[in-house]
Amino acid sequence: MKTILHISKYYYPDLGGIESVARFLAENLKDFNNEVVCFATDKSKGIDYISGVPVHRINVQMNIMSQDISFGYDRQLKKIIASCNPDIVVLHCPNPFLYPIVLKHLTKDMKLVVLWHSDILAKGMLYKMIKPIETKLLDRADYIIATSEEYARYSSVINPYQNKVLVLQNTVNTSMFDLRKEDEKKISKIRKSYKGKKIVFFVGRHIKYKGIEKLIEAEQLVKSDCVFIIAGTGILSEELKRQAEGRDRIHFVGRLSDDDLRCHLYASDLFAFPSVNKAEAFGVALAEAMYCGTVPVTFTIKGSGVNWVSLNGVTGEEVPLNDVAAYAKAIDHLLEDNALRTKYAASAHERVNTLFNDTVVAEAANQMFLGMS
């Protein structure tokens, strides 16, 4: 059986879109042996096992402009590659610190698959320094995987490589979001804790491109009697809390367990997904919410897969980028029109279950990788 080495920035229990994709592939490419390399976020370097998959965690010494730096990564990766001798290396991008290190340790007979989650959007002096090695990486890649046709088409970085670009959509672990017997009590408790008011829910990392500050701005313009629940944590958490200070209907609930997340999604009426640029290349959290029938409100992001995951006027509503007033108006419109919200919820669930169901995507992924080997 051939081996795939997945190189991700972070890995479960760290959460995020890239992390969920890396875990999904490592656990569902059943025709291969799978191992994972990632940065350790809690100083717990070494090997642990997640669902039977060996995960090599390498300590970080510093972070520069959101890029982790590990002085021992070169040596550790060389050792791991020698140990598992992978047939295929899957590098999740962007993660430019790793580009020269991975290229250095690949042998000629190892296939390189670049999973292109997002372009590097900041195009300043630092990117000019990164660009040559990014180009070298893409030149060396045997395959480049985009998560949507839209991103493959509009990314100026990977568009020139169309002869080796494949599309594998991200997925939802649907079994994790199917209702359990005990969930109804938890869902009822969540609704009662907010006095039965309609709920607008957000979950995600508290970072700039998620656009959470736009949601907080929009809250002031929403006329409906509702509450806004903001889940997750991140470097902007305290700043966002200060922005929302004195707003009685905005509630920060921190990081939620899988069970609590599922119940919050089913308890909520709308899913706020205010991401503002192509760093949000797909929207795994968006698809998860749609599967639960939580109707999304999004911004238009040209070249992102977000507006392909949720279709305007079919599964939710989409408004012009950064138009806070329009965002608030869409929230009011959907909260006031129960029949429309119900219609969108059914369409959203069906779309995810048809296109992004983990069983469907797992089969497509296995066929894709078997074709590479």
Protein backbone atom coordinates (compact mmCIF):
# COMPACT_ATOMS: atom_id res chain seq x y z
CA MET A 1 0.00 0.00 0.00
CA LYS A 2 1.38 3.41 -0.97
CA THR A 3 1.94 6.22 1.52
CA ILE A 4 0.76 9.82 1.51
CA LEU A 5 2.41 12.41 3.73
CA HIS A 6 0.10 15.34 4.43
CA ILE A 7 1.86 18.58 5.40
CA SER A 8 -0.57 21.01 7.02
CA LYS A 9 -0.04 24.20 8.97
CA TYR A 10 -2.00 22.86 11.94
CA TYR A 11 -4.08 19.74 12.59
CA TYR A 12 -6.88 18.55 14.85
CA PRO A 13 -7.62 19.37 17.67
CA ASP A 14 -6.71 22.76 16.18
CA LEU A 15 -9.71 23.87 14.16
CA GLY A 16 -10.07 25.70 10.87
CA GLY A 17 -10.89 25.13 7.22
CA ILE A 18 -7.44 23.87 6.19
CA GLU A 19 -7.22 21.72 9.29
CA SER A 20 -10.57 20.06 8.60
CA VAL A 21 -9.60 19.33 4.97
CA ALA A 22 -6.25 17.85 5.99
CA ARG A 23 -7.94 15.64 8.57
CA PHE A 24 -10.64 14.55 6.15
CA LEU A 25 -8.10 13.45 3.54
CA ALA A 26 -5.83 11.73 6.05
CA GLU A 27 -8.71 9.73 7.48
CA ASN A 28 -10.60 8.99 4.26
CA LEU A 29 -7.96 8.10 1.66
CA LYS A 30 -8.45 4.48 2.65
CA ASP A 31 -6.41 3.02 -0.19
CA PHE A 32 -3.23 4.61 1.23
CA ASN A 33 -1.20 4.74 4.39
CA ASN A 34 -1.47 8.31 5.69
CA GLU A 35 0.79 10.36 7.95
CA VAL A 36 0.60 14.04 8.89
CA VAL A 37 3.17 16.74 9.69
CA CYS A 38 2.09 20.02 11.28
CA PHE A 39 3.15 22.77 13.64
CA ALA A 40 2.59 22.14 17.35
CA THR A 41 0.50 24.93 18.85
CA ASP A 42 0.74 23.85 22.49
CA LYS A 43 4.42 22.82 22.74
CA SER A 44 3.42 19.12 22.61
CA LYS A 45 5.95 18.12 19.97
CA GLY A 46 6.38 14.52 18.90
CA ILE A 47 3.95 11.97 17.51
CA ASP A 48 0.36 11.43 18.53
CA TYR A 49 -2.41 9.48 16.83
CA ILE A 50 -5.73 10.94 15.70
CA SER A 51 -8.20 8.26 14.57
CA GLY A 52 -5.24 5.97 13.96
CA VAL A 53 -3.32 8.47 11.79
CA PRO A 54 0.23 9.31 12.99
CA VAL A 55 0.56 13.09 13.46
CA HIS A 56 4.07 14.54 13.76
CA ARG A 57 3.96 17.89 15.57
CA ILE A 58 6.93 20.25 15.29
CA ASN A 59 7.45 23.08 17.77
CA VAL A 60 7.25 26.73 16.73
CA GLN A 61 9.78 29.30 17.93
CA MET A 62 8.23 32.48 16.55
CA ASN A 63 5.48 33.92 14.39
CA ILE A 64 6.11 36.62 11.80
CA MET A 65 3.10 38.19 10.05
CA SER A 66 0.89 35.14 10.78
CA GLN A 67 3.58 32.74 9.56
CA ASP A 68 4.90 30.24 12.09
CA ILE A 69 8.67 29.69 12.10
CA SER A 70 10.32 26.52 13.39
CA PHE A 71 14.10 26.32 13.46
CA GLY A 72 14.01 22.52 13.67
CA TYR A 73 11.55 21.95 10.83
CA ASP A 74 14.15 21.19 8.17
CA ARG A 75 15.82 18.50 10.24
CA GLN A 76 12.53 17.02 11.46
CA LEU A 77 10.93 16.85 8.01
CA LYS A 78 14.02 15.17 6.55
CA LYS A 79 13.78 12.55 9.30
CA ILE A 80 10.04 11.99 8.80
CA ILE A 81 10.35 11.64 5.03
CA ALA A 82 13.20 9.15 5.44
CA SER A 83 11.09 7.18 7.89
CA CYS A 84 7.80 6.93 5.98
CA ASN A 85 9.21 7.24 2.41
CA PRO A 86 6.00 8.72 0.97
CA ASP A 87 4.90 8.10 -2.59
CA ILE A 88 2.85 11.31 -2.54
CA VAL A 89 3.41 14.49 -0.52
CA VAL A 90 0.37 16.75 -0.09
CA LEU A 91 1.31 20.30 0.90
CA HIS A 92 -1.53 22.50 2.10
CA CYS A 93 -1.00 26.10 0.98
CA PRO A 94 -0.46 28.92 1.75
CA ASN A 95 2.40 28.13 4.12
CA PRO A 96 5.45 29.79 2.49
CA PHE A 97 7.94 29.00 5.25
CA LEU A 98 7.67 25.36 4.21
CA TYR A 99 8.04 25.78 0.45
CA PRO A 100 11.87 25.64 0.25
CA ILE A 101 12.06 22.97 2.97
CA VAL A 102 9.60 20.64 1.22
CA LEU A 103 11.30 21.15 -2.16
CA LYS A 104 14.67 20.40 -0.60
CA HIS A 105 13.62 17.00 0.74
CA LEU A 106 11.46 15.67 -2.10
CA THR A 107 13.05 12.95 -4.18
CA LYS A 108 12.43 12.71 -7.92
CA ASP A 109 10.10 9.73 -7.57
CA MET A 110 7.85 11.43 -5.01
CA LYS A 111 4.72 13.05 -6.40
CA LEU A 112 4.02 16.55 -5.06
CA VAL A 113 0.37 17.59 -4.71
CA VAL A 114 -0.22 21.22 -3.78
CA LEU A 115 -3.63 21.71 -2.20
CA TRP A 116 -4.30 25.37 -2.96
CA HIS A 117 -6.65 26.68 -0.28
CA SER A 118 -5.98 30.34 -0.95
CA ASP A 119 -3.69 32.84 -2.64
CA ILE A 120 -1.47 35.01 -0.47
CA LEU A 121 -3.48 38.21 -0.74
CA ALA A 122 -0.96 40.72 0.62
CA LYS A 123 1.14 41.66 -2.40
CA GLY A 124 3.73 43.86 -0.71
CA MET A 125 7.49 43.51 -0.40
CA LEU A 126 7.28 40.28 1.60
CA TYR A 127 5.25 38.58 -1.11
CA LYS A 128 7.75 39.74 -3.74
CA MET A 129 10.36 37.84 -1.75
CA ILE A 130 8.14 34.75 -1.52
CA LYS A 131 6.97 34.75 -5.14
CA PRO A 132 10.05 33.08 -6.72
CA ILE A 133 9.92 30.09 -4.36
CA GLU A 134 6.13 29.91 -4.73
CA THR A 135 6.60 29.70 -8.50
CA LYS A 136 9.28 27.05 -8.08
CA LEU A 137 6.90 25.03 -5.90
CA LEU A 138 4.08 25.22 -8.45
CA ASP A 139 6.47 24.37 -11.29
CA ARG A 140 7.58 21.25 -9.37
CA ALA A 141 4.06 20.20 -8.40
CA ASP A 142 2.66 17.21 -10.24
CA TYR A 143 -0.89 18.30 -9.40
CA ILE A 144 -2.51 21.41 -7.95
CA ILE A 145 -5.86 20.91 -6.25
CA ALA A 146 -8.29 23.82 -5.95
CA THR A 147 -11.43 23.59 -3.80
CA SER A 148 -13.74 25.13 -6.40
CA GLU A 149 -13.87 25.87 -10.11
CA GLU A 150 -14.20 29.56 -9.22
CA TYR A 151 -10.92 29.67 -7.35
CA ALA A 152 -9.12 27.72 -10.07
CA ARG A 153 -10.44 30.16 -12.67
CA TYR A 154 -9.85 33.45 -10.88
CA SER A 155 -6.62 32.81 -9.00
CA SER A 156 -3.91 34.64 -10.93
CA VAL A 157 -1.34 32.41 -9.22
CA ILE A 158 -2.58 28.95 -10.21
CA ASN A 159 -4.48 29.88 -13.38
CA PRO A 160 -1.33 29.53 -15.55
CA TYR A 161 -1.07 25.87 -14.44
CA GLN A 162 -4.47 24.75 -15.71
CA ASN A 163 -2.90 21.67 -17.34
CA LYS A 164 -2.31 20.21 -13.88
CA VAL A 165 -5.09 21.82 -11.82
CA LEU A 166 -7.75 19.49 -10.42
CA VAL A 167 -10.83 20.46 -8.42
CA LEU A 168 -11.85 18.63 -5.25
CA GLN A 169 -14.53 20.42 -3.30
CA ASN A 170 -14.30 20.58 0.46
CA THR A 171 -16.66 18.47 2.49
CA VAL A 172 -18.88 18.32 5.53
CA ASN A 173 -18.66 15.47 8.00
CA THR A 174 -22.41 15.01 7.80
CA SER A 175 -22.58 12.38 10.54
CA MET A 176 -21.17 14.93 12.98
CA PHE A 177 -24.01 17.31 12.15
CA ASP A 178 -26.90 14.84 12.16
CA LEU A 179 -29.20 15.32 15.13
CA ARG A 180 -28.82 13.02 18.15
CA LYS A 181 -31.65 11.94 20.45
CA GLU A 182 -30.46 14.18 23.27
CA ASP A 183 -30.02 17.26 21.06
CA GLU A 184 -33.59 18.54 21.26
CA LYS A 185 -33.23 19.31 24.97
CA LYS A 186 -29.95 21.16 24.37
CA ILE A 187 -31.43 23.09 21.45
CA SER A 188 -34.46 24.06 23.52
CA LYS A 189 -32.19 25.18 26.36
CA ILE A 190 -30.16 27.41 24.00
CA ARG A 191 -33.33 29.06 22.66
CA LYS A 192 -34.75 29.57 26.15
CA SER A 193 -31.50 31.15 27.34
CA TYR A 194 -32.10 33.89 24.75
CA LYS A 195 -35.78 34.19 25.69
CA GLY A 196 -37.00 32.60 22.48
CA LYS A 197 -35.67 35.41 20.28
CA LYS A 198 -34.51 34.69 16.77
CA ILE A 199 -30.79 33.86 16.64
CA VAL A 200 -28.14 35.07 14.19
CA PHE A 201 -25.10 32.85 14.66
CA PHE A 202 -21.44 33.17 13.67
CA VAL A 203 -18.64 30.67 14.25
CA GLY A 204 -15.04 30.91 13.10
CA ARG A 205 -11.60 32.19 13.98
CA HIS A 206 -11.52 35.80 15.08
CA ILE A 207 -9.21 37.06 12.35
CA LYS A 208 -9.43 39.94 9.89
CA TYR A 209 -10.74 38.30 6.74
CA LYS A 210 -13.69 36.75 8.60
CA GLY A 211 -15.28 40.22 8.63
CA ILE A 212 -16.71 39.91 12.14
CA GLU A 213 -16.40 43.66 12.68
CA LYS A 214 -18.78 44.10 9.73
CA LEU A 215 -21.31 41.88 11.46
CA ILE A 216 -21.01 43.92 14.64
CA GLU A 217 -21.53 47.10 12.61
CA ALA A 218 -24.56 45.56 10.89
CA GLU A 219 -26.12 44.60 14.23
CA GLN A 220 -26.75 48.28 14.97
CA LEU A 221 -28.88 48.54 11.82
CA VAL A 222 -30.92 45.35 12.29
CA LYS A 223 -34.47 46.20 13.35
CA SER A 224 -35.70 42.69 14.16
CA ASP A 225 -35.94 41.51 17.76
CA CYS A 226 -33.08 39.01 17.74
CA VAL A 227 -29.74 38.13 19.29
CA PHE A 228 -26.30 37.70 17.74
CA ILE A 229 -24.16 34.82 19.00
CA ILE A 230 -20.46 34.94 18.09
CA ALA A 231 -18.57 31.68 18.68
CA GLY A 232 -14.88 30.96 18.28
CA THR A 233 -11.72 32.72 19.37
CA GLY A 234 -8.69 34.38 17.82
CA ILE A 235 -6.27 37.26 17.87
CA LEU A 236 -9.08 39.81 17.39
CA SER A 237 -11.37 38.50 20.14
CA GLU A 238 -10.69 41.24 22.67
CA GLU A 239 -10.82 43.98 20.03
CA LEU A 240 -14.19 42.67 18.80
CA LYS A 241 -15.56 42.52 22.32
CA ARG A 242 -14.57 46.15 22.82
CA GLN A 243 -16.31 47.06 19.56
CA ALA A 244 -19.48 45.31 20.79
CA GLU A 245 -19.30 46.75 24.30
CA GLY A 246 -22.71 47.92 25.50
CA ARG A 247 -24.61 45.94 22.85
CA ASP A 248 -26.90 43.75 24.92
CA ARG A 249 -27.90 41.48 22.08
CA ILE A 250 -24.37 40.46 21.05
CA HIS A 251 -23.08 37.42 22.94
CA PHE A 252 -19.56 35.99 22.71
CA VAL A 253 -19.58 32.30 23.66
CA GLY A 254 -15.99 31.26 22.91
CA ARG A 255 -14.94 27.95 21.44
CA LEU A 256 -17.70 25.34 21.30
CA SER A 257 -17.42 21.56 21.49
CA ASP A 258 -18.61 19.60 18.47
CA ASP A 259 -21.89 18.79 20.25
CA ASP A 260 -22.46 22.39 21.31
CA LEU A 261 -21.68 23.67 17.82
CA ARG A 262 -24.19 21.30 16.26
CA CYS A 263 -26.90 22.30 18.73
CA HIS A 264 -26.22 26.02 18.28
CA LEU A 265 -26.54 25.65 14.52
CA TYR A 266 -29.91 23.91 14.82
CA ALA A 267 -31.06 26.44 17.42
CA SER A 268 -30.21 29.38 15.16
CA ASP A 269 -32.31 30.97 12.44
CA LEU A 270 -29.56 32.60 10.37
CA PHE A 271 -25.87 31.97 9.84
CA ALA A 272 -23.81 35.13 9.53
CA PHE A 273 -20.87 34.53 7.21
CA PRO A 274 -19.41 38.01 6.65
CA SER A 275 -16.01 37.05 5.22
CA VAL A 276 -14.60 39.84 3.09
CA ASN A 277 -11.90 38.50 0.76
CA LYS A 278 -10.54 35.49 -1.12
CA ALA A 279 -8.66 34.24 1.91
CA GLU A 280 -12.06 32.65 2.48
CA ALA A 281 -11.68 30.35 -0.48
CA PHE A 282 -14.56 27.99 0.25
CA GLY A 283 -16.25 28.20 3.65
CA VAL A 284 -16.38 24.85 5.43
CA ALA A 285 -18.26 26.41 8.35
CA LEU A 286 -20.71 27.85 5.83
CA ALA A 287 -21.42 24.40 4.37
CA GLU A 288 -21.79 22.92 7.86
CA ALA A 289 -24.37 25.55 8.77
CA MET A 290 -26.25 24.95 5.52
CA TYR A 291 -26.41 21.23 6.22
CA CYS A 292 -28.10 22.06 9.53
CA GLY A 293 -30.62 24.27 7.72
CA THR A 294 -29.22 27.48 9.16
CA VAL A 295 -29.77 30.03 6.40
CA PRO A 296 -26.64 32.03 5.46
CA VAL A 297 -26.09 35.69 4.70
CA THR A 298 -22.86 36.33 2.78
CA PHE A 299 -20.98 39.07 0.97
CA THR A 300 -20.13 38.78 -2.72
CA ILE A 301 -16.46 37.80 -2.99
CA LYS A 302 -15.28 37.60 -6.60
CA GLY A 303 -13.11 34.57 -7.23
CA SER A 304 -13.95 32.85 -3.95
CA GLY A 305 -15.90 29.63 -3.71
CA VAL A 306 -18.15 31.13 -1.01
CA ASN A 307 -20.81 32.28 -3.48
CA TRP A 308 -20.76 28.88 -5.14
CA VAL A 309 -21.24 27.03 -1.86
CA SER A 310 -24.27 29.19 -1.03
CA LEU A 311 -26.31 30.37 -4.00
CA ASN A 312 -27.94 33.77 -3.78
CA GLY A 313 -31.71 33.48 -3.80
CA VAL A 314 -31.55 29.69 -3.58
CA THR A 315 -29.89 28.70 -0.31
CA GLY A 316 -29.49 32.14 1.30
CA GLU A 317 -28.90 35.79 0.54
CA GLU A 318 -25.80 37.55 -0.74
CA VAL A 319 -25.11 41.29 -0.64
CA PRO A 320 -22.42 43.55 -2.16
CA LEU A 321 -19.03 43.30 -0.52
CA ASN A 322 -18.64 45.43 2.64
CA ASP A 323 -22.17 46.89 2.31
CA VAL A 324 -23.08 46.77 5.98
CA ALA A 325 -26.49 48.38 5.45
CA ALA A 326 -27.41 45.75 2.84
CA TYR A 327 -26.17 43.01 5.15
CA ALA A 328 -28.44 44.26 7.94
CA LYS A 329 -31.35 44.55 5.52
CA ALA A 330 -30.86 40.94 4.38
CA ILE A 331 -30.89 39.76 8.00
CA ASP A 332 -34.13 41.65 8.66
CA HIS A 333 -35.69 40.34 5.46
CA LEU A 334 -34.97 36.72 6.31
CA LEU A 335 -35.95 36.99 9.97
CA GLU A 336 -39.28 38.51 9.00
CA ASP A 337 -40.11 36.01 6.22
CA ASN A 338 -40.45 32.60 7.88
CA ALA A 339 -41.66 30.88 4.69
CA LEU A 340 -38.67 32.09 2.66
CA ARG A 341 -36.29 31.11 5.41
CA THR A 342 -37.80 27.61 5.52
CA LYS A 343 -37.48 27.31 1.75
CA TYR A 344 -33.84 28.39 1.78
CA ALA A 345 -33.08 26.04 4.68
CA ALA A 346 -34.36 23.01 2.77
CA SER A 347 -32.43 23.99 -0.37
CA ALA A 348 -29.26 24.61 1.65
CA HIS A 349 -29.41 21.20 3.29
CA GLU A 350 -30.05 19.49 -0.04
CA ARG A 351 -27.19 21.30 -1.78
CA VAL A 352 -24.66 20.29 0.86
CA ASN A 353 -25.95 16.73 1.06
CA THR A 354 -25.66 16.38 -2.71
CA LEU A 355 -22.34 18.13 -3.41
CA PHE A 356 -20.35 18.23 -0.17
CA ASN A 357 -21.42 15.04 1.59
CA ASP A 358 -18.32 13.38 3.05
CA THR A 359 -19.14 10.00 1.49
CA VAL A 360 -19.41 11.53 -1.98
CA VAL A 361 -16.23 13.60 -1.64
CA ALA A 362 -14.28 10.73 -0.04
CA GLU A 363 -14.99 8.53 -3.06
CA ALA A 364 -13.96 11.32 -5.43
CA ALA A 365 -10.76 11.93 -3.43
CA ASN A 366 -9.80 8.25 -3.47
CA GLN A 367 -10.31 8.02 -7.21
CA MET A 368 -8.33 11.20 -7.76
CA PHE A 369 -5.33 10.07 -5.70
CA LEU A 370 -5.37 6.56 -7.10
CA GLY A 371 -5.12 8.16 -10.53
CA MET A 372 -1.98 10.01 -9.42
CA SER A 373 -0.10 6.99 -8.12
